[in-house]
Amino acid sequence: MTKKLFLLFLMACAMAPFASAQHRGDNGLGLTDMDQLRKLQIAQLAITNLYVDSVDQVKLVEDAINGILEKLDPHSSYSNAEQTRKMNEPLEGNFEGIGVQFNMMEDTLVVIQTISKGPSERAGIMAGDRIITVDDESIAGVKMDRDSIMKKLRGPKDTHVRLGVVRRDVADVIYFDVIRDKIPVNTLDAAYMLRPGIGYIHLDRFGATSGEEVRKALKELKEQGMKRLVFDLQQNGGGYLGAAVEVASQFLKEGSLVVFTEGRNAIRQTMDAQKDGLFLKGDLIILVDEYTASAAEIVSGAVQDHDRGIIIGRRTFGKGLVQRPIDLPDGSMIRLTTSHYYTPSGRCIQKPYEKGNKKEYAKDVENRYTHGELSCIDSIHLDSSRVYRTLREGRPVYGGGGIMPDVFVPLDTTRYTRFVTNIRRRNIITEQVLRFVDRERSSLRADYSDFKRYIREYDVPQVLVDNVLSTAARLKIEPKDSLELEQSLPDLRFLLKSLIAYDVWDRNEYFQLINSRSDIVKAALRRWGIKED
């Protein structure tokens, strides 16, 4: 059979399933232009069978899908099987592996923490250990990238892995047989008493376990005497819609509308608060910023529209498009926008966009910074044609994209000097803290078993500051003069102290420290008439 006849045969086979649908004018999935569908199939068959060079059919199809989606809205996307797995993992609540948090020091894996009651902790691995071999294969000193190392450490539950570990003050390599297990992925970073009677929760994203995590944190804080709550959604990029409804249900009466969705081919769907919320009464403040998006905006908008709490911070990102996941046979996925999110008052959360212009859309936050919106309330132009009213008190709230806070807190663009900013960009602080903590972890934990004492009394050693400055100098990063150095040192010490807290303890303690300087947290406390310490 000639190449041409072979191609015609393939085309006939490809078209056969659509013969009956052609007469109906659809393909069983909705109205479709069959001529255009055939064009795509003919193009793929022709390129695959007739093109002068061999082609990668997988890449060919993926490029075609990406090309189509690029012309649509900014959030419709395609991900291959590996990308889909990585994307879903942080939201699904668990993965299977050995249960360690680690960082790379030069080209060696250093354990920062073991997951409580996880496989590595049960086997005896400790913070500060260096894992140098996995199943007798070296992973240290071989320039292996982080993803490759993670692939070796992760694996199906109940499988065994043999780890070679170097431990400080132990001469020989220690070997551990670890049985992999399901490792929980928490979405809640911090929950503690900010002041007497005032609880604080920081939620990083909305995943499968977020509802239960927030519920547990609320219960524990109430047992400690919480009457008011600061719920921090800064930098929260969203996640599962169902998780947003679960979290909002902790603050709203049963049956209260949380969000509704609507689209061209998607009928209106409403989602209401569920029963048994744990914080239906008591003062509530939600903190937001320009990176608060999607599910986090749903919760913020619902609380604002029902006059249940006050929103403090800066206008949120404005991501109000609903993506429907379409699973493909090889494990890849298309996330296709099918409808919009609307707050209970009827505000569309999505900010304006131009189809096919994802580059400009991605620069929106940068443009807001340039135009002064993040630092000056007078630079914010509210759309007077999109004024809505809250459902109980009738306060004006504005549509047009994102959630506008009730109390605006400007971004402090002068917080860090150019010198400190450049040091942070080059990762010098993180690297030096990792080395320092590697030596001092045990003594720090012993000396500061009470973390509040660490906050009050610990001073960053001058030797650590000097190491940061000398490393920066070697990389030709230097202050312009002695005045800039003098202005930089307090912030540099604070950043070092914060990262030491993160590496020695956890994110809960880290947030306790950084919140002591947070302008948005201070604004929340002032709202309740509480002065700074």
Protein backbone atom coordinates (compact mmCIF):
# COMPACT_ATOMS: atom_id res chain seq x y z
CA MET A 1 0.00 0.00 0.00
CA THR A 2 1.38 3.43 -0.92
CA LYS A 3 1.83 6.12 1.68
CA LYS A 4 -1.07 8.10 0.20
CA LEU A 5 -3.47 5.16 0.25
CA PHE A 6 -2.36 4.31 3.77
CA LEU A 7 -3.14 7.84 4.90
CA LEU A 8 -6.59 7.72 3.26
CA PHE A 9 -7.27 4.41 5.00
CA LEU A 10 -6.35 5.92 8.37
CA MET A 11 -8.52 8.95 7.73
CA ALA A 12 -11.51 6.76 6.88
CA CYS A 13 -11.04 4.80 10.09
CA ALA A 14 -10.76 7.98 12.08
CA MET A 15 -13.93 9.45 10.63
CA ALA A 16 -16.08 6.33 10.95
CA PRO A 17 -17.16 6.87 14.59
CA PHE A 18 -18.47 10.31 13.68
CA ALA A 19 -20.55 9.31 10.64
CA SER A 20 -23.87 9.22 12.49
CA ALA A 21 -23.07 12.32 14.54
CA GLN A 22 -22.31 14.22 11.33
CA HIS A 23 -25.95 14.09 10.34
CA ARG A 24 -27.05 15.33 13.75
CA GLY A 25 -24.63 18.24 13.62
CA ASP A 26 -23.06 17.24 16.95
CA ASN A 27 -20.85 14.54 18.40
CA GLY A 28 -22.85 13.67 21.47
CA LEU A 29 -21.02 16.26 23.57
CA GLY A 30 -22.81 19.38 22.34
CA LEU A 31 -22.90 21.42 19.15
CA THR A 32 -19.65 20.94 17.25
CA ASP A 33 -18.50 21.99 13.78
CA MET A 34 -17.62 18.58 12.34
CA ASP A 35 -15.67 20.10 9.46
CA GLN A 36 -13.27 21.73 11.93
CA LEU A 37 -12.92 18.51 13.92
CA ARG A 38 -12.04 16.62 10.71
CA LYS A 39 -9.47 19.29 9.84
CA LEU A 40 -7.65 18.65 13.12
CA GLN A 41 -7.64 14.89 12.57
CA ILE A 42 -6.50 15.16 8.95
CA ALA A 43 -3.69 17.55 9.94
CA GLN A 44 -2.45 15.20 12.66
CA LEU A 45 -2.59 12.16 10.37
CA ALA A 46 -0.89 13.97 7.51
CA ILE A 47 1.98 15.29 9.65
CA THR A 48 2.50 11.94 11.35
CA ASN A 49 2.55 9.89 8.13
CA LEU A 50 3.77 12.23 5.40
CA TYR A 51 6.10 14.80 6.99
CA VAL A 52 9.70 14.65 5.75
CA ASP A 53 11.16 13.93 9.22
CA SER A 54 9.92 11.72 12.00
CA VAL A 55 7.76 13.46 14.59
CA ASP A 56 7.03 12.87 18.27
CA GLN A 57 3.28 12.23 18.19
CA VAL A 58 2.86 12.85 21.90
CA LYS A 59 4.52 16.26 21.67
CA LEU A 60 2.63 17.03 18.47
CA VAL A 61 -0.74 16.49 20.16
CA GLU A 62 0.31 18.30 23.35
CA ASP A 63 1.50 21.29 21.35
CA ALA A 64 -1.81 21.38 19.49
CA ILE A 65 -3.83 21.29 22.72
CA ASN A 66 -1.63 24.00 24.28
CA GLY A 67 -1.96 26.09 21.13
CA ILE A 68 -5.76 26.00 21.34
CA LEU A 69 -5.87 26.75 25.06
CA GLU A 70 -3.43 29.65 24.68
CA LYS A 71 -6.12 31.50 22.72
CA LEU A 72 -8.70 31.16 25.49
CA ASP A 73 -8.82 32.59 29.01
CA PRO A 74 -5.71 32.81 31.26
CA HIS A 75 -6.60 29.81 33.42
CA SER A 76 -7.57 27.07 30.96
CA SER A 77 -4.52 24.80 30.79
CA TYR A 78 -3.07 21.42 29.86
CA SER A 79 -0.74 19.33 32.02
CA ASN A 80 0.98 16.06 31.13
CA ALA A 81 0.71 13.04 33.44
CA GLU A 82 3.71 13.99 35.60
CA GLN A 83 2.68 17.63 35.87
CA THR A 84 -0.86 16.57 36.78
CA ARG A 85 0.42 14.34 39.59
CA LYS A 86 2.61 17.13 41.00
CA MET A 87 -0.20 19.66 40.70
CA ASN A 88 -2.75 17.51 42.52
CA GLU A 89 -0.46 16.21 45.25
CA PRO A 90 -0.40 19.31 47.51
CA LEU A 91 -4.21 19.47 47.41
CA GLU A 92 -5.10 15.80 47.84
CA GLY A 93 -3.97 15.64 51.44
CA ASN A 94 -1.24 13.00 51.23
CA PHE A 95 1.43 11.30 49.18
CA GLU A 96 3.46 8.13 49.69
CA GLY A 97 7.08 8.34 50.75
CA ILE A 98 9.50 8.39 53.69
CA GLY A 99 8.23 11.49 55.50
CA VAL A 100 11.01 14.08 55.73
CA GLN A 101 11.32 17.79 55.04
CA PHE A 102 14.73 18.46 53.55
CA ASN A 103 16.93 21.08 52.01
CA MET A 104 20.03 20.84 49.84
CA MET A 105 23.32 22.04 51.30
CA GLU A 106 25.66 22.28 48.32
CA ASP A 107 24.90 18.87 46.76
CA THR A 108 23.88 16.93 49.88
CA LEU A 109 20.38 16.31 51.23
CA VAL A 110 20.01 17.56 54.81
CA VAL A 111 16.94 16.54 56.82
CA ILE A 112 15.28 19.65 58.28
CA GLN A 113 12.49 17.77 60.04
CA THR A 114 10.91 14.35 60.08
CA ILE A 115 7.13 14.15 59.79
CA SER A 116 5.67 13.38 63.21
CA LYS A 117 4.94 9.63 63.54
CA GLY A 118 6.02 9.16 59.91
CA PRO A 119 8.20 6.34 58.49
CA SER A 120 11.54 8.14 58.91
CA GLU A 121 10.84 9.19 62.49
CA ARG A 122 9.80 5.62 63.33
CA ALA A 123 13.01 4.29 61.76
CA GLY A 124 15.16 6.68 63.83
CA ILE A 125 16.19 9.33 61.29
CA MET A 126 16.73 12.72 62.91
CA ALA A 127 16.79 16.39 61.92
CA GLY A 128 20.30 17.26 60.75
CA ASP A 129 20.98 13.84 59.23
CA ARG A 130 22.46 13.77 55.73
CA ILE A 131 21.00 11.12 53.43
CA ILE A 132 23.81 10.13 51.07
CA THR A 133 22.56 6.85 49.56
CA VAL A 134 19.19 5.41 48.53
CA ASP A 135 19.17 1.64 48.03
CA ASP A 136 22.99 1.80 47.90
CA GLU A 137 22.93 4.38 45.09
CA SER A 138 24.74 7.61 45.91
CA ILE A 139 22.69 10.81 45.84
CA ALA A 140 25.36 13.06 47.41
CA GLY A 141 28.15 14.67 45.45
CA VAL A 142 26.66 13.61 42.11
CA LYS A 143 24.84 16.85 41.17
CA MET A 144 21.43 15.14 41.22
CA ASP A 145 18.52 17.59 40.96
CA ARG A 146 15.84 17.84 43.64
CA ASP A 147 13.09 16.19 41.58
CA SER A 148 15.27 13.16 40.84
CA ILE A 149 16.06 12.76 44.53
CA MET A 150 12.39 12.99 45.46
CA LYS A 151 11.52 10.28 42.92
CA LYS A 152 13.98 7.93 44.62
CA LEU A 153 12.68 8.68 48.11
CA ARG A 154 9.01 8.42 47.25
CA GLY A 155 7.26 5.20 46.34
CA PRO A 156 4.19 3.07 46.99
CA LYS A 157 3.06 2.48 50.55
CA ASP A 158 4.61 -0.58 52.29
CA THR A 159 7.65 -0.68 49.97
CA HIS A 160 11.10 -0.73 51.56
CA VAL A 161 13.98 1.66 50.95
CA ARG A 162 17.47 1.47 52.46
CA LEU A 163 18.94 4.86 53.36
CA GLY A 164 22.59 5.60 54.08
CA VAL A 165 22.90 8.45 56.58
CA VAL A 166 25.81 10.56 57.81
CA ARG A 167 25.17 11.96 61.30
CA ARG A 168 27.13 14.63 63.13
CA ASP A 169 29.61 13.16 65.66
CA VAL A 170 29.12 9.61 64.30
CA ALA A 171 32.16 8.30 62.43
CA ASP A 172 30.54 5.69 60.19
CA VAL A 173 27.61 5.75 57.80
CA ILE A 174 24.39 4.60 59.49
CA TYR A 175 21.90 2.55 57.49
CA PHE A 176 18.13 2.63 57.98
CA ASP A 177 15.49 0.38 56.46
CA VAL A 178 12.42 2.58 56.02
CA ILE A 179 8.96 1.31 55.09
CA ARG A 180 7.21 3.94 52.98
CA ASP A 181 3.77 5.09 54.06
CA LYS A 182 1.13 7.72 53.33
CA ILE A 183 2.47 11.13 54.33
CA PRO A 184 -0.06 13.82 55.26
CA VAL A 185 0.21 17.14 53.42
CA ASN A 186 -1.09 19.86 55.71
CA THR A 187 -2.59 23.01 54.23
CA LEU A 188 -2.74 24.92 57.52
CA ASP A 189 0.56 26.58 58.44
CA ALA A 190 -0.09 28.13 61.82
CA ALA A 191 -2.68 28.25 64.62
CA TYR A 192 -1.90 29.96 67.91
CA MET A 193 -3.13 32.59 70.37
CA LEU A 194 -2.04 35.96 69.01
CA ARG A 195 -3.14 37.75 72.19
CA PRO A 196 -5.27 36.69 75.16
CA GLY A 197 -8.68 35.89 73.70
CA ILE A 198 -7.50 36.35 70.09
CA GLY A 199 -6.73 33.34 67.92
CA TYR A 200 -4.73 33.35 64.69
CA ILE A 201 -4.91 30.86 61.81
CA HIS A 202 -2.89 30.96 58.59
CA LEU A 203 -4.17 28.73 55.78
CA ASP A 204 -1.70 28.21 52.94
CA ARG A 205 -4.10 26.69 50.36
CA PHE A 206 -7.46 24.96 50.08
CA GLY A 207 -6.92 21.21 49.83
CA ALA A 208 -8.88 18.05 50.56
CA THR A 209 -8.10 18.23 54.29
CA SER A 210 -8.45 22.00 54.81
CA GLY A 211 -11.96 21.88 56.23
CA GLU A 212 -11.00 19.38 58.90
CA GLU A 213 -7.68 21.15 59.63
CA VAL A 214 -9.42 24.50 60.19
CA ARG A 215 -12.11 22.84 62.29
CA LYS A 216 -9.48 21.18 64.50
CA ALA A 217 -7.55 24.45 64.89
CA LEU A 218 -10.73 26.35 65.83
CA LYS A 219 -11.62 23.73 68.44
CA GLU A 220 -8.15 23.90 70.01
CA LEU A 221 -8.08 27.71 70.02
CA LYS A 222 -11.54 27.91 71.59
CA GLU A 223 -10.32 25.59 74.33
CA GLN A 224 -7.55 28.13 74.95
CA GLY A 225 -10.10 30.91 75.39
CA MET A 226 -10.44 32.34 71.87
CA LYS A 227 -13.26 34.86 71.50
CA ARG A 228 -11.94 36.68 68.40
CA LEU A 229 -10.17 35.30 65.33
CA VAL A 230 -7.68 36.62 62.79
CA PHE A 231 -7.95 34.30 59.77
CA ASP A 232 -4.97 34.89 57.48
CA LEU A 233 -5.42 34.19 53.76
CA GLN A 234 -2.48 36.26 52.54
CA GLN A 235 -0.58 34.52 49.72
CA ASN A 236 -3.28 31.81 49.60
CA GLY A 237 -3.65 30.91 45.92
CA GLY A 238 -6.85 28.90 46.34
CA GLY A 239 -7.54 25.25 45.59
CA TYR A 240 -10.65 23.10 45.85
CA LEU A 241 -14.07 24.75 45.74
CA GLY A 242 -15.46 22.17 48.15
CA ALA A 243 -12.76 23.06 50.67
CA ALA A 244 -13.70 26.74 50.41
CA VAL A 245 -17.33 25.88 51.24
CA GLU A 246 -16.22 23.72 54.19
CA VAL A 247 -14.04 26.50 55.60
CA ALA A 248 -16.66 29.23 55.06
CA SER A 249 -19.17 26.99 56.86
CA GLN A 250 -17.17 27.39 60.07
CA PHE A 251 -18.12 31.10 60.10
CA LEU A 252 -21.57 31.29 58.47
CA LYS A 253 -24.98 30.05 59.57
CA GLU A 254 -26.22 26.83 58.00
CA GLY A 255 -27.86 27.51 54.63
CA SER A 256 -26.11 30.84 54.03
CA LEU A 257 -25.08 31.20 50.38
CA VAL A 258 -21.29 30.89 50.07
CA VAL A 259 -20.84 31.15 46.30
CA PHE A 260 -22.65 30.47 43.05
CA THR A 261 -21.27 29.59 39.62
CA GLU A 262 -22.68 30.23 36.17
CA GLY A 263 -21.43 29.83 32.60
CA ARG A 264 -22.52 29.68 28.96
CA ASN A 265 -23.15 25.93 29.05
CA ALA A 266 -23.12 25.54 32.83
CA ILE A 267 -26.37 26.07 34.69
CA ARG A 268 -26.30 28.13 37.85
CA GLN A 269 -25.08 26.14 40.84
CA THR A 270 -25.30 27.42 44.40
CA MET A 271 -23.23 26.24 47.35
CA ASP A 272 -24.47 26.92 50.88
CA ALA A 273 -22.85 26.79 54.29
CA GLN A 274 -23.05 23.43 56.00
CA LYS A 275 -24.16 22.84 59.57
CA ASP A 276 -22.12 22.67 62.77
CA GLY A 277 -19.76 25.61 62.18
CA LEU A 278 -17.47 26.16 65.15
CA PHE A 279 -17.08 29.96 64.97
CA LEU A 280 -20.51 31.32 64.12
CA LYS A 281 -20.23 34.10 66.71
CA GLY A 282 -17.33 36.23 67.81
CA ASP A 283 -15.38 38.94 66.02
CA LEU A 284 -13.75 37.79 62.78
CA ILE A 285 -11.10 39.49 60.65
CA ILE A 286 -9.79 38.01 57.40
CA LEU A 287 -6.41 39.14 56.10
CA VAL A 288 -5.87 39.30 52.32
CA ASP A 289 -3.35 40.64 49.84
CA GLU A 290 -2.75 40.83 46.11
CA TYR A 291 -1.91 37.11 45.97
CA THR A 292 -5.08 35.93 47.71
CA ALA A 293 -6.95 34.10 44.96
CA SER A 294 -9.74 31.76 43.89
CA ALA A 295 -11.07 29.68 46.83
CA ALA A 296 -9.57 32.19 49.27
CA GLU A 297 -11.53 34.96 47.53
CA ILE A 298 -14.71 32.89 47.79
CA VAL A 299 -14.37 32.68 51.58
CA SER A 300 -13.42 36.37 51.89
CA GLY A 301 -16.30 37.48 49.65
CA ALA A 302 -18.86 35.35 51.49
CA VAL A 303 -17.79 36.64 54.91
CA GLN A 304 -17.88 40.23 53.63
CA ASP A 305 -21.24 39.92 51.85
CA HIS A 306 -22.92 38.38 54.91
CA ASP A 307 -21.42 41.11 57.16
CA ARG A 308 -19.91 38.30 59.23
CA GLY A 309 -16.45 39.84 59.48
CA ILE A 310 -14.07 42.54 58.34
CA ILE A 311 -11.61 42.12 55.44
CA ILE A 312 -8.25 43.83 55.99
CA GLY A 313 -5.34 44.16 53.56
CA ARG A 314 -5.16 44.85 49.83
CA ARG A 315 -7.40 44.02 46.86
CA THR A 316 -7.20 40.32 46.10
CA PHE A 317 -5.93 38.73 42.87
CA GLY A 318 -9.27 38.38 41.06
CA LYS A 319 -9.28 34.72 39.99
CA GLY A 320 -12.93 33.82 39.58
CA LEU A 321 -12.97 31.33 36.72
CA VAL A 322 -14.11 27.77 37.40
CA GLN A 323 -11.97 25.06 35.80
CA ARG A 324 -13.45 21.65 35.07
CA PRO A 325 -10.77 18.93 35.06
CA ILE A 326 -10.96 16.68 31.99
CA ASP A 327 -8.90 13.55 32.53
CA LEU A 328 -7.21 12.14 29.42
CA PRO A 329 -6.35 8.44 28.90
CA ASP A 330 -2.60 8.78 29.54
CA GLY A 331 -3.01 10.51 32.92
CA SER A 332 -2.72 14.01 31.47
CA MET A 333 -5.42 16.60 32.06
CA ILE A 334 -7.12 19.60 30.53
CA ARG A 335 -8.43 22.15 33.04
CA LEU A 336 -11.09 23.96 31.04
CA THR A 337 -12.84 27.10 32.23
CA THR A 338 -16.60 26.48 32.22
CA SER A 339 -18.10 29.19 34.45
CA HIS A 340 -17.51 32.14 36.78
CA TYR A 341 -17.55 32.43 40.57
CA TYR A 342 -19.97 34.96 42.08
CA THR A 343 -20.14 36.11 45.71
CA PRO A 344 -23.50 35.99 47.54
CA SER A 345 -24.24 39.63 46.64
CA GLY A 346 -23.71 38.84 42.95
CA ARG A 347 -20.17 40.14 42.46
CA CYS A 348 -18.07 38.36 39.83
CA ILE A 349 -14.68 37.63 41.40
CA GLN A 350 -12.83 37.42 38.06
CA LYS A 351 -10.86 40.50 36.99
CA PRO A 352 -11.01 41.59 33.33
CA TYR A 353 -8.75 39.84 30.80
CA GLU A 354 -8.13 39.71 27.06
CA LYS A 355 -8.43 36.26 25.51
CA GLY A 356 -5.10 34.94 24.29
CA ASN A 357 -3.08 37.60 26.12
CA LYS A 358 -1.78 35.61 29.08
CA LYS A 359 1.45 37.61 29.18
CA GLU A 360 -0.32 40.86 30.03
CA TYR A 361 -2.62 39.06 32.48
CA ALA A 362 0.42 37.66 34.31
CA LYS A 363 1.77 41.20 34.73
CA ASP A 364 -1.37 42.49 36.45
CA VAL A 365 0.06 42.51 39.99
CA GLU A 366 3.25 44.12 38.71
CA ASN A 367 1.16 46.79 36.96
CA ARG A 368 -0.80 47.41 40.14
CA TYR A 369 2.48 47.92 41.97
CA THR A 370 3.77 50.29 39.28
CA HIS A 371 0.56 52.32 39.28
CA GLY A 372 0.70 52.72 43.05
CA GLU A 373 -2.42 50.71 43.90
CA LEU A 374 -0.59 48.51 46.40
CA SER A 375 0.89 51.42 48.33
CA CYS A 376 -1.70 54.21 48.10
CA ILE A 377 -5.46 53.92 48.54
CA ASP A 378 -6.01 57.01 46.37
CA SER A 379 -4.57 55.06 43.40
CA ILE A 380 -7.36 52.48 43.59
CA HIS A 381 -10.11 53.18 41.06
CA LEU A 382 -13.32 51.41 42.04
CA ASP A 383 -15.84 50.66 39.29
CA SER A 384 -18.84 52.84 40.16
CA SER A 385 -20.97 50.88 37.70
CA ARG A 386 -20.53 47.67 39.71
CA VAL A 387 -21.66 48.57 43.20
CA TYR A 388 -23.36 45.83 45.23
CA ARG A 389 -24.74 45.75 48.76
CA THR A 390 -23.93 43.43 51.62
CA LEU A 391 -26.85 41.23 52.57
CA ARG A 392 -27.46 42.26 56.17
CA GLU A 393 -26.19 45.82 56.66
CA GLY A 394 -26.44 47.02 53.05
CA ARG A 395 -22.85 48.29 52.93
CA PRO A 396 -21.50 49.06 49.44
CA VAL A 397 -19.06 46.52 48.03
CA TYR A 398 -17.49 46.63 44.59
CA GLY A 399 -17.28 44.23 41.68
CA GLY A 400 -14.91 44.36 38.76
CA GLY A 401 -12.35 41.84 39.95
CA GLY A 402 -11.13 40.57 43.30
CA ILE A 403 -12.33 41.41 46.79
CA MET A 404 -11.73 44.98 47.93
CA PRO A 405 -10.94 44.99 51.68
CA ASP A 406 -12.92 47.04 54.19
CA VAL A 407 -9.65 48.33 55.66
CA PHE A 408 -6.77 49.03 53.27
CA VAL A 409 -3.20 48.40 54.45
CA PRO A 410 -0.51 49.67 52.05
CA LEU A 411 2.42 47.53 51.02
CA ASP A 412 5.56 48.84 52.72
CA THR A 413 7.87 49.22 49.74
CA THR A 414 10.63 50.68 51.93
CA ARG A 415 10.81 47.80 54.43
CA TYR A 416 14.04 46.34 53.05
CA THR A 417 17.06 48.17 51.65
CA ARG A 418 18.38 47.37 48.18
CA PHE A 419 21.28 45.54 49.85
CA VAL A 420 19.04 43.20 51.90
CA THR A 421 16.78 42.60 48.89
CA ASN A 422 19.76 41.55 46.76
CA ILE A 423 21.02 39.21 49.49
CA ARG A 424 17.60 37.55 49.70
CA ARG A 425 17.40 37.12 45.93
CA ARG A 426 20.68 35.20 45.89
CA ASN A 427 19.48 32.83 48.65
CA ILE A 428 22.46 33.71 50.85
CA ILE A 429 20.43 34.02 54.06
CA THR A 430 18.79 30.61 53.64
CA GLU A 431 22.10 28.89 52.91
CA GLN A 432 23.90 30.42 55.89
CA VAL A 433 21.02 29.64 58.26
CA LEU A 434 21.01 26.01 57.09
CA ARG A 435 24.72 25.69 57.92
CA PHE A 436 24.30 27.45 61.26
CA VAL A 437 21.30 25.37 62.35
CA ASP A 438 23.10 22.20 61.31
CA ARG A 439 25.67 22.95 64.02
CA GLU A 440 23.45 24.54 66.67
CA ARG A 441 20.09 22.75 66.40
CA SER A 442 20.37 20.70 69.60
CA SER A 443 21.63 23.57 71.74
CA LEU A 444 18.96 25.94 70.44
CA ARG A 445 16.18 23.50 71.26
CA ALA A 446 17.65 22.88 74.72
CA ASP A 447 18.20 26.55 75.54
CA TYR A 448 14.83 27.74 74.21
CA SER A 449 12.33 25.01 75.01
CA ASP A 450 9.89 27.89 75.56
CA PHE A 451 9.60 29.50 72.12
CA LYS A 452 8.25 32.76 73.53
CA ARG A 453 11.57 33.09 75.32
CA TYR A 454 13.34 32.66 71.98
CA ILE A 455 11.26 35.51 70.57
CA ARG A 456 12.02 37.78 73.52
CA GLU A 457 15.66 37.01 74.22
CA TYR A 458 17.50 35.37 71.34
CA ASP A 459 20.08 37.52 69.56
CA VAL A 460 21.51 36.35 66.26
CA PRO A 461 25.26 35.73 66.74
CA GLN A 462 27.55 38.24 65.08
CA VAL A 463 29.47 35.40 63.44
CA LEU A 464 26.34 34.43 61.46
CA VAL A 465 25.80 38.03 60.34
CA ASP A 466 29.48 38.25 59.34
CA ASN A 467 29.20 35.03 57.33
CA VAL A 468 26.25 36.45 55.39
CA LEU A 469 28.09 39.73 54.72
CA SER A 470 31.32 38.02 53.64
CA THR A 471 29.44 35.61 51.34
CA ALA A 472 27.61 38.56 49.80
CA ALA A 473 30.90 40.41 49.30
CA ARG A 474 32.38 37.42 47.46
CA LEU A 475 29.40 37.61 45.12
CA LYS A 476 29.98 41.37 44.73
CA ILE A 477 26.82 42.26 46.66
CA GLU A 478 27.69 45.18 48.91
CA PRO A 479 25.92 48.17 50.46
CA LYS A 480 26.48 51.45 48.65
CA ASP A 481 27.73 53.10 51.84
CA SER A 482 27.94 52.73 55.62
CA LEU A 483 24.49 54.28 56.07
CA GLU A 484 22.82 51.57 53.95
CA LEU A 485 24.68 48.90 55.91
CA GLU A 486 23.51 50.42 59.19
CA GLN A 487 19.92 50.53 57.94
CA SER A 488 20.14 46.93 56.69
CA LEU A 489 21.45 45.20 59.81
CA PRO A 490 18.24 45.18 61.93
CA ASP A 491 16.23 43.65 59.07
CA LEU A 492 19.00 41.20 58.27
CA ARG A 493 19.08 40.02 61.88
CA PHE A 494 15.30 39.67 61.94
CA LEU A 495 15.28 37.58 58.75
CA LEU A 496 18.02 35.34 60.14
CA LYS A 497 16.16 34.89 63.42
CA SER A 498 12.93 34.04 61.56
CA LEU A 499 14.55 31.38 59.36
CA ILE A 500 16.35 29.87 62.34
CA ALA A 501 12.94 29.50 64.00
CA TYR A 502 11.55 27.84 60.86
CA ASP A 503 14.41 25.33 60.61
CA VAL A 504 14.65 24.48 64.31
CA TRP A 505 10.90 24.42 65.06
CA ASP A 506 8.20 24.72 62.40
CA ARG A 507 6.00 27.12 60.46
CA ASN A 508 3.75 27.72 63.46
CA GLU A 509 6.66 29.26 65.35
CA TYR A 510 7.91 31.03 62.22
CA PHE A 511 4.57 32.84 61.84
CA GLN A 512 4.56 33.82 65.51
CA LEU A 513 7.82 35.64 64.88
CA ILE A 514 7.14 37.30 61.51
CA ASN A 515 3.66 38.41 62.60
CA SER A 516 5.28 40.54 65.27
CA ARG A 517 6.32 42.88 62.43
CA SER A 518 3.37 42.41 60.06
CA ASP A 519 1.60 45.68 59.21
CA ILE A 520 -1.59 43.81 58.27
CA VAL A 521 -1.67 41.86 61.55
CA LYS A 522 -1.07 45.09 63.47
CA ALA A 523 -3.94 46.72 61.58
CA ALA A 524 -6.22 43.85 62.66
CA LEU A 525 -5.27 44.34 66.30
CA ARG A 526 -5.78 48.10 66.05
CA ARG A 527 -9.27 47.43 64.71
CA TRP A 528 -10.01 45.91 68.10
CA GLY A 529 -8.30 48.73 69.96
CA ILE A 530 -5.21 46.70 70.82
CA LYS A 531 -1.91 48.56 70.73
CA GLU A 532 1.40 47.08 69.70
CA ASP A 533 3.60 45.44 72.34
